[in-house]
N, C-alpha and C. Protein backbone atom coordinates (compact mmCIF):
# COMPACT_ATOMS: atom_id res chain seq x y z
N MET A 1 -39.48 -3.00 -2.66
CA MET A 1 -38.79 -2.31 -1.58
C MET A 1 -39.28 -0.85 -1.58
N ASN A 2 -39.60 -0.38 -0.40
CA ASN A 2 -40.12 0.99 -0.38
C ASN A 2 -38.99 2.02 -0.41
N ARG A 3 -39.36 3.27 -0.60
CA ARG A 3 -38.40 4.35 -0.78
C ARG A 3 -37.51 4.55 0.45
N GLN A 4 -38.12 4.51 1.64
CA GLN A 4 -37.34 4.71 2.87
C GLN A 4 -36.27 3.64 3.04
N LYS A 5 -36.64 2.41 2.76
CA LYS A 5 -35.68 1.30 2.93
C LYS A 5 -34.53 1.45 1.94
N LYS A 6 -34.82 1.85 0.71
CA LYS A 6 -33.78 2.07 -0.29
C LYS A 6 -32.81 3.15 0.17
N LEU A 7 -33.36 4.26 0.68
CA LEU A 7 -32.51 5.35 1.14
C LEU A 7 -31.64 4.93 2.31
N GLN A 8 -32.24 4.23 3.26
CA GLN A 8 -31.46 3.77 4.41
C GLN A 8 -30.34 2.82 3.97
N GLN A 9 -30.65 1.97 3.01
CA GLN A 9 -29.65 1.03 2.50
C GLN A 9 -28.49 1.79 1.84
N LEU A 10 -28.81 2.82 1.07
CA LEU A 10 -27.78 3.62 0.41
C LEU A 10 -26.91 4.35 1.43
N PHE A 11 -27.55 4.95 2.46
CA PHE A 11 -26.79 5.67 3.48
C PHE A 11 -25.87 4.74 4.24
N LYS A 12 -26.36 3.55 4.56
CA LYS A 12 -25.53 2.58 5.29
C LYS A 12 -24.33 2.16 4.44
N ALA A 13 -24.56 1.95 3.15
CA ALA A 13 -23.48 1.53 2.26
C ALA A 13 -22.42 2.62 2.15
N LYS A 14 -22.86 3.88 2.01
CA LYS A 14 -21.91 4.99 1.91
C LYS A 14 -21.13 5.16 3.21
N ALA A 15 -21.80 5.01 4.34
CA ALA A 15 -21.14 5.15 5.64
C ALA A 15 -20.11 4.03 5.83
N LYS A 16 -20.45 2.84 5.40
CA LYS A 16 -19.54 1.71 5.53
C LYS A 16 -18.29 1.92 4.69
N LYS A 17 -18.45 2.42 3.47
CA LYS A 17 -17.31 2.70 2.61
C LYS A 17 -16.42 3.80 3.20
N ALA A 18 -17.05 4.83 3.74
CA ALA A 18 -16.30 5.95 4.32
C ALA A 18 -15.50 5.48 5.53
N SER A 19 -16.09 4.67 6.37
CA SER A 19 -15.38 4.20 7.56
C SER A 19 -14.26 3.23 7.17
N ALA A 20 -14.46 2.49 6.10
CA ALA A 20 -13.42 1.57 5.64
C ALA A 20 -12.21 2.34 5.12
N LYS A 21 -12.44 3.49 4.51
CA LYS A 21 -11.32 4.31 4.02
C LYS A 21 -10.52 4.89 5.18
N LEU A 22 -11.20 5.23 6.28
CA LEU A 22 -10.54 5.82 7.42
C LEU A 22 -9.78 4.78 8.26
N ALA A 23 -10.22 3.54 8.19
CA ALA A 23 -9.59 2.49 9.00
C ALA A 23 -8.17 2.22 8.49
N PRO A 24 -7.24 1.91 9.39
CA PRO A 24 -5.87 1.62 8.95
C PRO A 24 -5.83 0.33 8.13
N GLN A 25 -5.05 0.38 7.10
CA GLN A 25 -4.92 -0.78 6.22
C GLN A 25 -3.85 -1.72 6.75
N LYS A 26 -4.19 -2.97 6.94
CA LYS A 26 -3.23 -3.94 7.46
C LYS A 26 -2.86 -4.98 6.42
N LYS A 27 -3.17 -4.68 5.17
CA LYS A 27 -2.85 -5.63 4.11
C LYS A 27 -1.37 -5.57 3.78
N ASP A 28 -0.79 -6.72 3.56
CA ASP A 28 0.60 -6.77 3.13
C ASP A 28 0.69 -6.43 1.66
N LYS A 29 1.87 -6.02 1.23
CA LYS A 29 2.08 -5.71 -0.17
C LYS A 29 1.96 -7.00 -0.98
N TYR A 30 1.35 -6.91 -2.15
CA TYR A 30 1.15 -8.08 -3.00
C TYR A 30 2.48 -8.56 -3.54
N ILE A 31 2.71 -9.88 -3.45
CA ILE A 31 3.91 -10.49 -4.01
C ILE A 31 3.44 -11.51 -5.04
N SER A 32 3.94 -11.37 -6.26
CA SER A 32 3.49 -12.26 -7.32
C SER A 32 3.96 -13.69 -7.08
N LYS A 33 3.35 -14.62 -7.76
CA LYS A 33 3.66 -16.03 -7.59
C LYS A 33 5.12 -16.30 -7.96
N ALA A 34 5.61 -15.68 -9.03
CA ALA A 34 6.99 -15.88 -9.46
C ALA A 34 7.96 -15.37 -8.40
N ASP A 35 7.65 -14.21 -7.82
CA ASP A 35 8.52 -13.67 -6.77
C ASP A 35 8.51 -14.55 -5.52
N ARG A 36 7.34 -15.10 -5.19
CA ARG A 36 7.27 -16.00 -4.04
C ARG A 36 8.13 -17.23 -4.26
N LEU A 37 8.11 -17.77 -5.49
CA LEU A 37 8.93 -18.93 -5.80
C LEU A 37 10.41 -18.60 -5.71
N LYS A 38 10.80 -17.42 -6.19
CA LYS A 38 12.19 -16.99 -6.10
C LYS A 38 12.63 -16.88 -4.65
N LEU A 39 11.80 -16.25 -3.82
CA LEU A 39 12.14 -16.10 -2.41
C LEU A 39 12.25 -17.45 -1.71
N GLU A 40 11.36 -18.36 -2.07
CA GLU A 40 11.40 -19.69 -1.47
C GLU A 40 12.67 -20.43 -1.89
N ALA A 41 13.06 -20.29 -3.17
CA ALA A 41 14.27 -20.94 -3.65
C ALA A 41 15.51 -20.37 -2.96
N GLU A 42 15.53 -19.04 -2.78
CA GLU A 42 16.66 -18.42 -2.08
C GLU A 42 16.72 -18.88 -0.64
N ALA A 43 15.59 -19.02 0.00
CA ALA A 43 15.56 -19.48 1.39
C ALA A 43 16.06 -20.92 1.49
N ASP A 44 15.69 -21.75 0.50
CA ASP A 44 16.17 -23.13 0.49
C ASP A 44 17.69 -23.17 0.31
N GLN A 45 18.21 -22.34 -0.58
CA GLN A 45 19.66 -22.30 -0.80
C GLN A 45 20.37 -21.84 0.47
N ASP A 46 19.83 -20.85 1.15
CA ASP A 46 20.44 -20.36 2.38
C ASP A 46 20.43 -21.45 3.44
N ALA A 47 19.34 -22.20 3.52
CA ALA A 47 19.24 -23.27 4.51
C ALA A 47 20.25 -24.38 4.19
N ILE A 48 20.42 -24.69 2.92
CA ILE A 48 21.36 -25.75 2.52
C ILE A 48 22.79 -25.30 2.79
N SER A 49 23.12 -24.06 2.42
CA SER A 49 24.49 -23.57 2.60
C SER A 49 24.82 -23.41 4.09
N SER A 50 23.86 -23.04 4.92
CA SER A 50 24.13 -22.88 6.35
C SER A 50 24.28 -24.24 7.01
N SER A 51 23.59 -25.27 6.51
CA SER A 51 23.72 -26.59 7.12
C SER A 51 25.04 -27.26 6.70
N GLU A 52 25.58 -26.87 5.53
CA GLU A 52 26.88 -27.41 5.11
C GLU A 52 28.03 -26.82 5.91
N SER A 53 27.90 -25.61 6.37
CA SER A 53 28.98 -24.94 7.10
C SER A 53 29.18 -25.51 8.48
């Protein structure tokens, strides 16, 4: 790979990282597997109790 191509590749990579930092983050907060199971169990209990009423 020649020198110019290496430099262009580096500049593109840095520009991509910089634009990614500026972009709004749409990721949801991480929920652990144990917490997901707890939430699912609570939702099941709520569904059962509401259907009994």
